[in-house]
């Protein structure tokens, strides 16, 4: 029996070396680690299914293990029991970079580790921002440059409130729906929250938002222009005739709406609210003939030297007949009806040859009539369609040297000698003023104003 004691001690010693955790005393720090057990002679196909596949558990600063092609885990099974070496399951890795683990939000594992990798994956697909990942394109439907806004529960169609509002208006650089992300500054591209009770995050962005180019709605317009550059000017004129909706907070909207209100002079009548304003874009050829006429009148009258505008140009109102719903929300295309005076004027400007077809006569002869009084022109504005709004035109008119008149002169076909227009003033046979020009090139429609009846 005593002969078996050495054998038992030998077995116990081997077990102690193989399983150090059984020992109650920690091994000395300087002691060398025991050599690993020889690898078992099993084929890769016999790899146990409980092999380690924990993603992201390697120590900080350690090199990440290389991904394995085996979906069940690594094929190397010679990891010592109790060791720290782990291997990442490639299924758990980001589908773009293949390095970091997929993002888990607590309920769902996403295909990418971050938004950065998701966007890079999107941009690597032919079609870029316009190509869908899953079910939604990642970039704004209006500007196509910035990612869509997410409020944490929903991804909206646009990157900002400004793009949402612009997309709801006329066609510029893009089109889309009307969903408006809340809580963002309305300046183009800004993702900052606005000041409480305001639309912008700063005075600089407020100034930008109120002075945007009416064509691209992205950059600040130039001084004395509705556009930011010659590129936008050319693009607008090449696409004309058309109308571009002016944002309600824009300086141009305020200017036109204030003129409408200030010039509503009928006693006992309350000025109705302005709901929409559109900038009218005339074709280049039409503008060229108007500008040539204005230059000729200026050369003759030298109005700029007297502190006036070139050609003594002024803005005047004109009311007319509307057959279609042009100007109502979402209606920016002209109709083809020859009886829709509104569309005909916006499309090709005024035609003096059509004079008298509506009224049959004119106090000051065969001319084109406008007024500085919006409430007077309102009397001539009427709808032959179902609409909750009325339409009126604000025109730019080359007044030049005007001949003041108080009494009717129905035989005029041109201005009196030495004059460029007739200024029919209040008094005599008129309760409110009229301006009459006798050349098609002396006037162009500039704004379409939609207001409540």
Protein backbone atom coordinates (compact mmCIF):
# COMPACT_ATOMS: atom_id res chain seq x y z
CA UNK A 1 0.00 0.00 0.00
CA UNK A 2 2.87 2.30 0.80
CA UNK A 3 4.04 1.82 -2.73
CA UNK A 4 0.96 3.72 -3.97
CA UNK A 5 1.60 6.87 -1.91
CA UNK A 6 4.21 8.39 -4.26
CA UNK A 7 1.88 7.80 -7.19
CA UNK A 8 -1.01 9.61 -5.42
CA UNK A 9 1.21 12.56 -4.52
CA UNK A 10 2.36 12.80 -8.11
CA UNK A 11 -1.24 12.91 -9.35
CA UNK A 12 -2.18 15.62 -6.83
CA UNK A 13 0.80 17.71 -7.87
CA UNK A 14 -0.17 17.47 -11.51
CA UNK A 15 -3.73 18.56 -10.71
CA UNK A 16 -2.47 21.54 -8.71
CA UNK A 17 -0.33 22.68 -11.63
CA UNK A 18 -3.09 22.22 -14.18
CA UNK A 19 -5.76 24.01 -12.10
CA UNK A 20 -4.09 26.89 -10.23
CA UNK A 21 -7.46 28.42 -9.19
CA UNK A 22 -7.97 25.51 -6.81
CA UNK A 23 -5.05 26.75 -4.75
CA UNK A 24 -5.95 29.08 -1.90
CA UNK A 25 -2.66 30.97 -2.27
CA UNK A 26 -2.06 33.22 -5.28
CA UNK A 27 0.95 32.39 -7.37
CA UNK A 28 3.95 34.69 -6.96
CA UNK A 29 3.92 37.58 -9.46
CA UNK A 30 7.34 36.67 -10.78
CA UNK A 31 6.53 33.02 -11.28
CA UNK A 32 6.44 32.00 -14.96
CA UNK A 33 3.11 30.87 -16.36
CA UNK A 34 2.78 27.15 -16.84
CA UNK A 35 3.11 25.93 -20.41
CA UNK A 36 -0.20 25.51 -22.23
CA UNK A 37 -1.71 22.16 -22.71
CA UNK A 38 -1.16 20.65 -26.12
CA UNK A 39 -4.02 21.37 -28.55
CA UNK A 40 -6.63 18.68 -28.87
CA UNK A 41 -6.56 16.79 -32.09
CA UNK A 42 -9.99 17.81 -33.35
CA UNK A 43 -10.89 19.15 -36.77
CA UNK A 44 -12.27 22.72 -37.21
CA UNK A 45 -15.64 21.27 -38.03
CA UNK A 46 -15.71 19.76 -34.54
CA UNK A 47 -15.29 23.15 -32.80
CA UNK A 48 -17.54 23.31 -29.70
CA UNK A 49 -20.49 25.67 -30.09
CA UNK A 50 -19.78 27.43 -26.78
CA UNK A 51 -16.46 28.91 -27.92
CA UNK A 52 -15.87 32.52 -26.84
CA UNK A 53 -17.35 35.15 -29.21
CA UNK A 54 -17.71 38.21 -26.96
CA UNK A 55 -17.41 41.43 -29.00
CA UNK A 56 -15.46 44.35 -27.64
CA UNK A 57 -14.19 42.67 -24.43
CA UNK A 58 -10.47 42.94 -25.20
CA UNK A 59 -8.44 45.21 -22.87
CA UNK A 60 -8.04 48.94 -23.65
CA UNK A 61 -4.92 49.40 -25.70
CA UNK A 62 -4.81 45.79 -26.84
CA UNK A 63 -5.02 44.92 -30.51
CA UNK A 64 -8.38 43.68 -31.68
CA UNK A 65 -8.34 40.09 -32.91
CA UNK A 66 -8.82 39.55 -36.61
CA UNK A 67 -12.34 38.58 -37.72
CA UNK A 68 -12.99 34.92 -38.31
CA UNK A 69 -14.84 33.53 -41.28
CA UNK A 70 -16.57 31.05 -39.00
CA UNK A 71 -19.93 32.45 -37.94
CA UNK A 72 -19.89 30.31 -34.81
CA UNK A 73 -16.64 31.74 -33.45
CA UNK A 74 -12.86 31.18 -33.69
CA UNK A 75 -11.46 27.84 -34.85
CA UNK A 76 -8.44 28.01 -32.50
CA UNK A 77 -9.35 26.14 -29.31
CA UNK A 78 -5.99 26.25 -27.52
CA UNK A 79 -6.95 29.18 -25.27
CA UNK A 80 -5.93 28.42 -21.67
CA UNK A 81 -8.74 28.06 -19.16
CA UNK A 82 -9.11 31.37 -17.28
CA UNK A 83 -7.13 33.35 -19.94
CA UNK A 84 -8.08 36.94 -21.10
CA UNK A 85 -7.83 36.43 -24.85
CA UNK A 86 -11.22 36.89 -26.63
CA UNK A 87 -12.36 36.91 -30.24
CA UNK A 88 -15.06 39.06 -31.95
CA UNK A 89 -17.81 37.30 -33.82
CA UNK A 90 -17.72 38.88 -37.32
CA UNK A 91 -21.53 38.92 -37.40
CA UNK A 92 -21.38 41.46 -34.56
CA UNK A 93 -19.05 43.81 -36.44
CA UNK A 94 -20.06 46.99 -38.30
CA UNK A 95 -21.01 46.16 -41.88
CA UNK A 96 -18.98 49.11 -43.21
CA UNK A 97 -15.69 49.28 -41.29
CA UNK A 98 -15.62 45.68 -40.03
CA UNK A 99 -13.68 46.83 -36.95
CA UNK A 100 -16.09 48.12 -34.31
CA UNK A 101 -19.13 46.24 -33.01
CA UNK A 102 -22.57 47.08 -34.32
CA UNK A 103 -24.53 49.67 -32.34
CA UNK A 104 -27.13 48.27 -29.94
CA UNK A 105 -29.72 50.82 -28.72
CA UNK A 106 -31.20 48.56 -26.05
CA UNK A 107 -33.86 47.02 -28.27
CA UNK A 108 -32.29 46.63 -31.70
CA UNK A 109 -28.86 45.90 -33.15
CA UNK A 110 -28.15 48.26 -36.04
CA UNK A 111 -26.03 47.23 -39.06
CA UNK A 112 -23.40 49.91 -38.40
CA UNK A 113 -21.30 50.98 -35.44
CA UNK A 114 -22.10 54.69 -35.80
CA UNK A 115 -23.83 57.36 -37.91
CA UNK A 116 -20.46 58.09 -39.49
CA UNK A 117 -20.18 54.59 -40.92
CA UNK A 118 -23.85 54.59 -41.92
CA UNK A 119 -23.38 57.83 -43.89
CA UNK A 120 -20.14 56.59 -45.45
CA UNK A 121 -21.92 53.45 -46.56
CA UNK A 122 -24.72 55.57 -48.04
CA UNK A 123 -22.29 57.78 -49.96
CA UNK A 124 -20.49 54.73 -51.34
CA UNK A 125 -23.68 53.58 -53.08
CA UNK A 126 -24.23 54.87 -56.66
CA UNK A 127 -26.69 57.72 -56.42
CA UNK A 128 -25.24 59.00 -53.16
CA UNK A 129 -27.67 60.86 -51.00
CA UNK A 130 -30.56 60.03 -53.29
CA UNK A 131 -30.15 56.26 -52.79
CA UNK A 132 -32.04 54.63 -49.96
CA UNK A 133 -30.55 52.60 -47.15
CA UNK A 134 -33.42 50.54 -45.85
CA UNK A 135 -36.48 52.62 -46.62
CA UNK A 136 -35.41 56.30 -46.40
CA UNK A 137 -32.77 58.45 -48.15
CA UNK A 138 -30.43 59.91 -45.53
CA UNK A 139 -30.16 63.41 -46.96
CA UNK A 140 -32.58 66.35 -46.97
CA UNK A 141 -35.14 66.18 -49.80
CA UNK A 142 -34.75 69.91 -50.53
CA UNK A 143 -31.03 70.78 -50.41
CA UNK A 144 -29.75 67.18 -50.89
CA UNK A 145 -26.60 68.14 -48.95
CA UNK A 146 -27.29 67.75 -45.23
CA UNK A 147 -28.66 64.70 -43.38
CA UNK A 148 -32.32 64.59 -42.50
CA UNK A 149 -33.31 65.85 -39.06
CA UNK A 150 -34.10 63.23 -36.41
CA UNK A 151 -35.98 64.20 -33.25
CA UNK A 152 -35.18 60.88 -31.58
CA UNK A 153 -38.40 59.17 -32.57
CA UNK A 154 -38.81 60.09 -36.23
CA UNK A 155 -36.59 60.98 -39.19
CA UNK A 156 -38.09 63.97 -41.01
CA UNK A 157 -37.84 64.66 -44.74
CA UNK A 158 -35.71 67.78 -44.31
CA UNK A 159 -32.54 68.85 -42.53
CA UNK A 160 -34.00 72.04 -41.05
CA UNK A 161 -37.10 74.18 -40.66
CA UNK A 162 -35.82 76.48 -43.41
CA UNK A 163 -35.59 73.65 -45.97
CA UNK A 164 -39.03 72.37 -44.96
CA UNK A 165 -40.59 75.81 -45.53
CA UNK A 166 -38.70 76.36 -48.76
CA UNK A 167 -39.75 72.97 -50.11
CA UNK A 168 -43.38 73.81 -49.39
CA UNK A 169 -43.05 76.89 -51.59
CA UNK A 170 -41.98 77.22 -55.22
CA UNK A 171 -39.51 74.96 -57.00
CA UNK A 172 -35.94 76.07 -56.43
CA UNK A 173 -33.14 73.57 -55.88
CA UNK A 174 -35.49 70.83 -54.84
CA UNK A 175 -39.01 69.84 -53.95
CA UNK A 176 -40.69 67.92 -51.21
CA UNK A 177 -43.41 67.76 -48.61
CA UNK A 178 -44.29 70.12 -45.82
CA UNK A 179 -43.05 68.35 -42.67
CA UNK A 180 -41.21 70.92 -40.57
CA UNK A 181 -38.64 69.86 -37.98
CA UNK A 182 -39.21 71.75 -34.76
CA UNK A 183 -36.64 73.37 -32.54
CA UNK A 184 -34.14 74.45 -35.20
CA UNK A 185 -32.95 77.84 -36.39
CA UNK A 186 -34.54 78.64 -39.77
CA UNK A 187 -31.31 79.86 -41.37
CA UNK A 188 -30.18 77.51 -44.17
CA UNK A 189 -27.97 74.72 -42.84
CA UNK A 190 -28.14 75.76 -39.19
CA UNK A 191 -28.79 72.96 -36.69
CA UNK A 192 -28.79 75.17 -33.59
CA UNK A 193 -31.94 75.78 -31.53
CA UNK A 194 -33.48 79.25 -31.91
CA UNK A 195 -33.83 81.74 -29.09
CA UNK A 196 -37.01 81.25 -27.09
CA UNK A 197 -39.97 82.71 -28.94
CA UNK A 198 -37.95 83.40 -32.09
CA UNK A 199 -37.14 81.64 -35.36
CA UNK A 200 -33.36 82.15 -35.38
CA UNK A 201 -30.40 81.41 -33.13
CA UNK A 202 -28.66 84.75 -33.70
CA UNK A 203 -29.09 88.19 -35.24
CA UNK A 204 -26.73 87.20 -38.05
CA UNK A 205 -28.93 84.25 -38.99
CA UNK A 206 -32.07 86.37 -38.66
CA UNK A 207 -30.60 88.83 -41.15
CA UNK A 208 -29.66 85.97 -43.47
CA UNK A 209 -33.10 84.37 -43.26
CA UNK A 210 -34.87 87.65 -44.00
CA UNK A 211 -32.63 88.45 -46.99
CA UNK A 212 -32.37 85.12 -48.79
CA UNK A 213 -32.03 84.92 -52.55
CA UNK A 214 -35.53 84.27 -53.93
CA UNK A 215 -34.19 81.77 -56.45
CA UNK A 216 -32.00 79.40 -54.41
CA UNK A 217 -33.17 80.39 -50.91
CA UNK A 218 -29.71 79.45 -49.63
CA UNK A 219 -27.48 82.54 -49.86
CA UNK A 220 -28.05 86.17 -48.95
CA UNK A 221 -29.34 88.32 -51.80
CA UNK A 222 -27.29 91.16 -53.23
CA UNK A 223 -28.15 94.77 -52.46
CA UNK A 224 -30.89 96.15 -54.73
CA UNK A 225 -31.59 92.69 -56.10
CA UNK A 226 -33.84 89.74 -55.35
CA UNK A 227 -31.01 87.29 -56.07
CA UNK A 228 -27.63 86.33 -54.63
CA UNK A 229 -25.62 86.13 -57.84
CA UNK A 230 -25.66 86.52 -61.58
CA UNK A 231 -26.02 82.75 -61.75
CA UNK A 232 -29.36 82.86 -59.92
CA UNK A 233 -30.47 85.89 -61.96
CA UNK A 234 -29.77 84.07 -65.21
CA UNK A 235 -31.38 80.86 -63.98
CA UNK A 236 -34.55 82.70 -62.95
CA UNK A 237 -34.86 84.69 -66.17
CA UNK A 238 -34.16 81.62 -68.29
CA UNK A 239 -37.00 79.79 -66.54
CA UNK A 240 -39.40 82.71 -66.83
CA UNK A 241 -42.21 83.43 -67.04
CA UNK A 242 -42.93 81.97 -63.61
CA UNK A 243 -43.77 82.99 -60.06
CA UNK A 244 -41.65 82.35 -56.94
CA UNK A 245 -43.30 82.43 -53.55
CA UNK A 246 -41.69 84.90 -51.15
CA UNK A 247 -41.20 83.53 -47.59
CA UNK A 248 -43.46 85.28 -45.10
CA UNK A 249 -40.56 86.52 -42.96
CA UNK A 250 -38.62 87.93 -45.90
CA UNK A 251 -37.91 91.67 -46.20
CA UNK A 252 -39.54 91.64 -49.63
CA UNK A 253 -42.75 90.17 -48.22
CA UNK A 254 -42.81 92.86 -45.54
CA UNK A 255 -42.17 95.65 -48.06
CA UNK A 256 -44.98 94.61 -50.42
CA UNK A 257 -47.45 93.81 -47.62
CA UNK A 258 -46.78 97.15 -45.94
CA UNK A 259 -47.34 99.02 -49.22
CA UNK A 260 -50.63 97.16 -49.69
CA UNK A 261 -51.78 98.13 -46.19
CA UNK A 262 -50.52 101.73 -46.31
CA UNK A 263 -52.20 102.40 -49.66
CA UNK A 264 -55.62 100.99 -48.66
CA UNK A 265 -57.40 104.34 -48.51
CA UNK A 266 -61.12 103.65 -48.91
CA UNK A 267 -62.94 105.24 -45.99
CA UNK A 268 -64.95 102.80 -43.88
CA UNK A 269 -63.12 99.80 -45.33
CA UNK A 270 -60.65 97.70 -43.35
CA UNK A 271 -57.54 96.51 -45.16
CA UNK A 272 -57.66 92.71 -45.45
CA UNK A 273 -54.63 90.62 -44.45
CA UNK A 274 -52.08 89.56 -47.07
CA UNK A 275 -51.64 85.78 -47.10
CA UNK A 276 -49.21 85.07 -49.95
CA UNK A 277 -46.83 87.05 -52.13
CA UNK A 278 -45.11 85.82 -55.28
CA UNK A 279 -42.24 87.40 -57.17
CA UNK A 280 -43.07 87.46 -60.89
CA UNK A 281 -40.17 86.45 -63.12
CA UNK A 282 -40.48 87.75 -66.67
CA UNK A 283 -38.47 86.35 -69.60
CA UNK A 284 -35.16 88.01 -70.45
CA UNK A 285 -36.49 89.41 -73.72
CA UNK A 286 -39.42 91.08 -71.95
CA UNK A 287 -37.19 92.62 -69.30
CA UNK A 288 -34.72 93.81 -71.94
CA UNK A 289 -37.35 95.84 -73.80
CA UNK A 290 -38.60 97.33 -70.52
CA UNK A 291 -35.07 98.27 -69.45
CA UNK A 292 -34.39 99.85 -72.85
CA UNK A 293 -37.53 101.97 -72.56
CA UNK A 294 -36.60 102.99 -69.01
CA UNK A 295 -33.09 103.97 -70.10
CA UNK A 296 -34.48 106.13 -72.93
CA UNK A 297 -36.85 107.94 -70.55
CA UNK A 298 -34.01 108.45 -68.07
CA UNK A 299 -31.70 109.86 -70.74
CA UNK A 300 -34.37 112.39 -71.63
CA UNK A 301 -35.48 113.35 -68.12
CA UNK A 302 -32.33 112.88 -65.99
CA UNK A 303 -34.36 111.72 -62.99
CA UNK A 304 -31.42 110.11 -61.18
CA UNK A 305 -29.67 113.47 -60.97
CA UNK A 306 -32.79 114.83 -59.28
CA UNK A 307 -32.64 112.11 -56.61
CA UNK A 308 -35.29 109.86 -58.13
CA UNK A 309 -35.11 106.33 -59.48
CA UNK A 310 -34.03 105.63 -63.05
CA UNK A 311 -36.81 106.69 -65.41
CA UNK A 312 -38.80 107.78 -62.33
CA UNK A 313 -39.82 104.14 -61.87
CA UNK A 314 -42.59 103.51 -59.31
CA UNK A 315 -44.68 100.61 -58.01
CA UNK A 316 -48.40 100.72 -58.81
CA UNK A 317 -51.38 98.38 -58.30
CA UNK A 318 -53.61 96.74 -60.91
CA UNK A 319 -56.67 94.57 -60.29
CA UNK A 320 -57.95 92.16 -62.93
CA UNK A 321 -59.93 88.99 -63.61
CA UNK A 322 -58.79 85.56 -62.36
CA UNK A 323 -60.32 82.44 -63.92
CA UNK A 324 -58.02 79.82 -62.35
CA UNK A 325 -56.56 79.28 -58.87
CA UNK A 326 -53.14 80.73 -59.60
CA UNK A 327 -51.70 82.09 -56.36
CA UNK A 328 -53.62 79.78 -54.04
CA UNK A 329 -51.55 77.37 -51.96
CA UNK A 330 -49.68 75.00 -54.25
CA UNK A 331 -50.93 76.69 -57.44
CA UNK A 332 -48.01 78.26 -59.29
CA UNK A 333 -48.67 77.11 -62.87
CA UNK A 334 -50.45 79.36 -65.38
CA UNK A 335 -53.70 78.27 -66.95
CA UNK A 336 -54.25 78.32 -70.72
CA UNK A 337 -57.56 80.19 -70.72
CA UNK A 338 -57.47 83.33 -72.92
CA UNK A 339 -60.06 84.87 -70.60
CA UNK A 340 -57.84 84.62 -67.51
CA UNK A 341 -56.41 88.12 -67.54
CA UNK A 342 -54.21 87.39 -64.52
CA UNK A 343 -52.30 84.55 -66.19
CA UNK A 344 -52.09 86.42 -69.50
CA UNK A 345 -50.57 89.51 -67.86
CA UNK A 346 -48.06 87.55 -65.77
CA UNK A 347 -47.07 85.38 -68.73
CA UNK A 348 -46.62 88.10 -71.36
CA UNK A 349 -47.19 91.44 -69.56
CA UNK A 350 -49.76 94.07 -70.56
CA UNK A 351 -51.07 94.47 -74.10
CA UNK A 352 -52.54 97.86 -74.94
CA UNK A 353 -54.30 96.40 -77.98
CA UNK A 354 -56.72 94.69 -75.58
CA UNK A 355 -57.75 98.03 -74.08
CA UNK A 356 -61.47 98.57 -73.60
CA UNK A 357 -62.56 94.93 -73.79
CA UNK A 358 -63.59 94.95 -70.16
CA UNK A 359 -64.83 98.49 -69.49
CA UNK A 360 -65.37 99.73 -73.04
CA UNK A 361 -63.79 103.09 -72.31
CA UNK A 362 -61.13 104.95 -70.32
CA UNK A 363 -61.20 108.36 -68.65
CA UNK A 364 -57.82 109.16 -70.12
CA UNK A 365 -58.00 107.32 -73.40
CA UNK A 366 -56.39 104.17 -74.71
CA UNK A 367 -53.78 103.33 -72.09
CA UNK A 368 -52.76 100.92 -69.34
CA UNK A 369 -54.23 101.94 -65.99
CA UNK A 370 -52.73 101.47 -62.52
CA UNK A 371 -53.10 103.20 -59.15
CA UNK A 372 -51.06 103.94 -56.04
CA UNK A 373 -54.22 103.06 -54.05
CA UNK A 374 -54.55 99.33 -53.39
CA UNK A 375 -58.20 99.63 -52.37
CA UNK A 376 -59.04 101.25 -55.74
CA UNK A 377 -57.38 98.42 -57.69
CA UNK A 378 -59.17 95.97 -55.41
CA UNK A 379 -62.44 97.16 -56.98
CA UNK A 380 -61.27 95.72 -60.32
CA UNK A 381 -60.08 92.39 -58.89
CA UNK A 382 -62.56 89.53 -59.05
CA UNK A 383 -62.58 85.75 -59.21
CA UNK A 384 -64.29 83.58 -61.78
CA UNK A 385 -63.22 80.57 -59.73
CA UNK A 386 -63.75 79.17 -56.26
CA UNK A 387 -61.11 80.60 -53.95
CA UNK A 388 -60.91 82.06 -50.47
CA UNK A 389 -58.34 84.64 -51.67
CA UNK A 390 -58.32 87.53 -54.13
CA UNK A 391 -55.41 88.49 -56.40
CA UNK A 392 -53.87 91.86 -57.19
CA UNK A 393 -50.74 92.81 -59.15
CA UNK A 394 -48.03 95.19 -57.99
CA UNK A 395 -46.24 96.50 -61.07
CA UNK A 396 -43.11 98.48 -61.79
CA UNK A 397 -44.00 101.42 -64.03
CA UNK A 398 -41.78 103.94 -65.82
CA UNK A 399 -43.60 107.17 -64.93
CA UNK A 400 -41.03 109.53 -66.41
CA UNK A 401 -42.48 113.03 -66.58
CA UNK A 402 -46.15 112.74 -65.68
CA UNK A 403 -48.84 115.14 -66.85
CA UNK A 404 -51.24 115.90 -63.99
CA UNK A 405 -54.92 115.88 -64.93
CA UNK A 406 -58.15 116.40 -62.99
CA UNK A 407 -60.67 116.12 -65.83
CA UNK A 408 -61.42 113.28 -68.24
CA UNK A 409 -59.77 113.13 -71.65
CA UNK A 410 -61.09 110.02 -73.35
CA UNK A 411 -59.44 110.72 -76.72
CA UNK A 412 -55.83 110.26 -75.60
CA UNK A 413 -53.79 107.52 -77.27
CA UNK A 414 -50.41 108.93 -76.25
CA UNK A 415 -49.31 111.17 -73.39
CA UNK A 416 -49.59 114.92 -73.96
CA UNK A 417 -46.60 116.38 -75.81
CA UNK A 418 -43.49 116.57 -73.63
CA UNK A 419 -44.77 113.99 -71.14
CA UNK A 420 -44.31 110.26 -70.62
CA UNK A 421 -47.52 109.42 -68.71
CA UNK A 422 -50.73 110.84 -67.25
CA UNK A 423 -51.14 111.38 -63.51
CA UNK A 424 -54.88 111.49 -62.87
CA UNK A 425 -55.12 112.99 -59.41
CA UNK A 426 -57.82 112.77 -56.78
CA UNK A 427 -60.39 115.50 -57.20
CA UNK A 428 -62.52 116.50 -60.12
CA UNK A 429 -63.98 113.33 -61.61
CA UNK A 430 -61.79 110.95 -59.55
CA UNK A 431 -62.06 109.86 -55.95
CA UNK A 432 -58.67 108.13 -56.06
CA UNK A 433 -55.56 108.51 -58.22
CA UNK A 434 -54.71 106.74 -61.48
CA UNK A 435 -51.50 106.43 -63.47
CA UNK A 436 -51.84 105.85 -67.22
CA UNK A 437 -49.05 104.83 -69.61
CA UNK A 438 -49.43 104.41 -73.36
CA UNK A 439 -46.64 101.97 -74.20
CA UNK A 440 -46.45 98.24 -73.47
CA UNK A 441 -42.78 98.66 -72.55
CA UNK A 442 -43.54 101.21 -69.82
CA UNK A 443 -44.86 98.58 -67.41
CA UNK A 444 -44.10 95.06 -66.16
CA UNK A 445 -45.90 92.98 -63.50
CA UNK A 446 -43.59 92.54 -60.51
CA UNK A 447 -45.52 90.87 -57.66
CA UNK A 448 -48.67 88.79 -57.30
CA UNK A 449 -50.34 89.49 -53.96
CA UNK A 450 -52.96 87.14 -52.52
CA UNK A 451 -55.22 88.54 -49.81
CA UNK A 452 -58.50 87.82 -48.09
CA UNK A 453 -61.63 89.34 -49.69
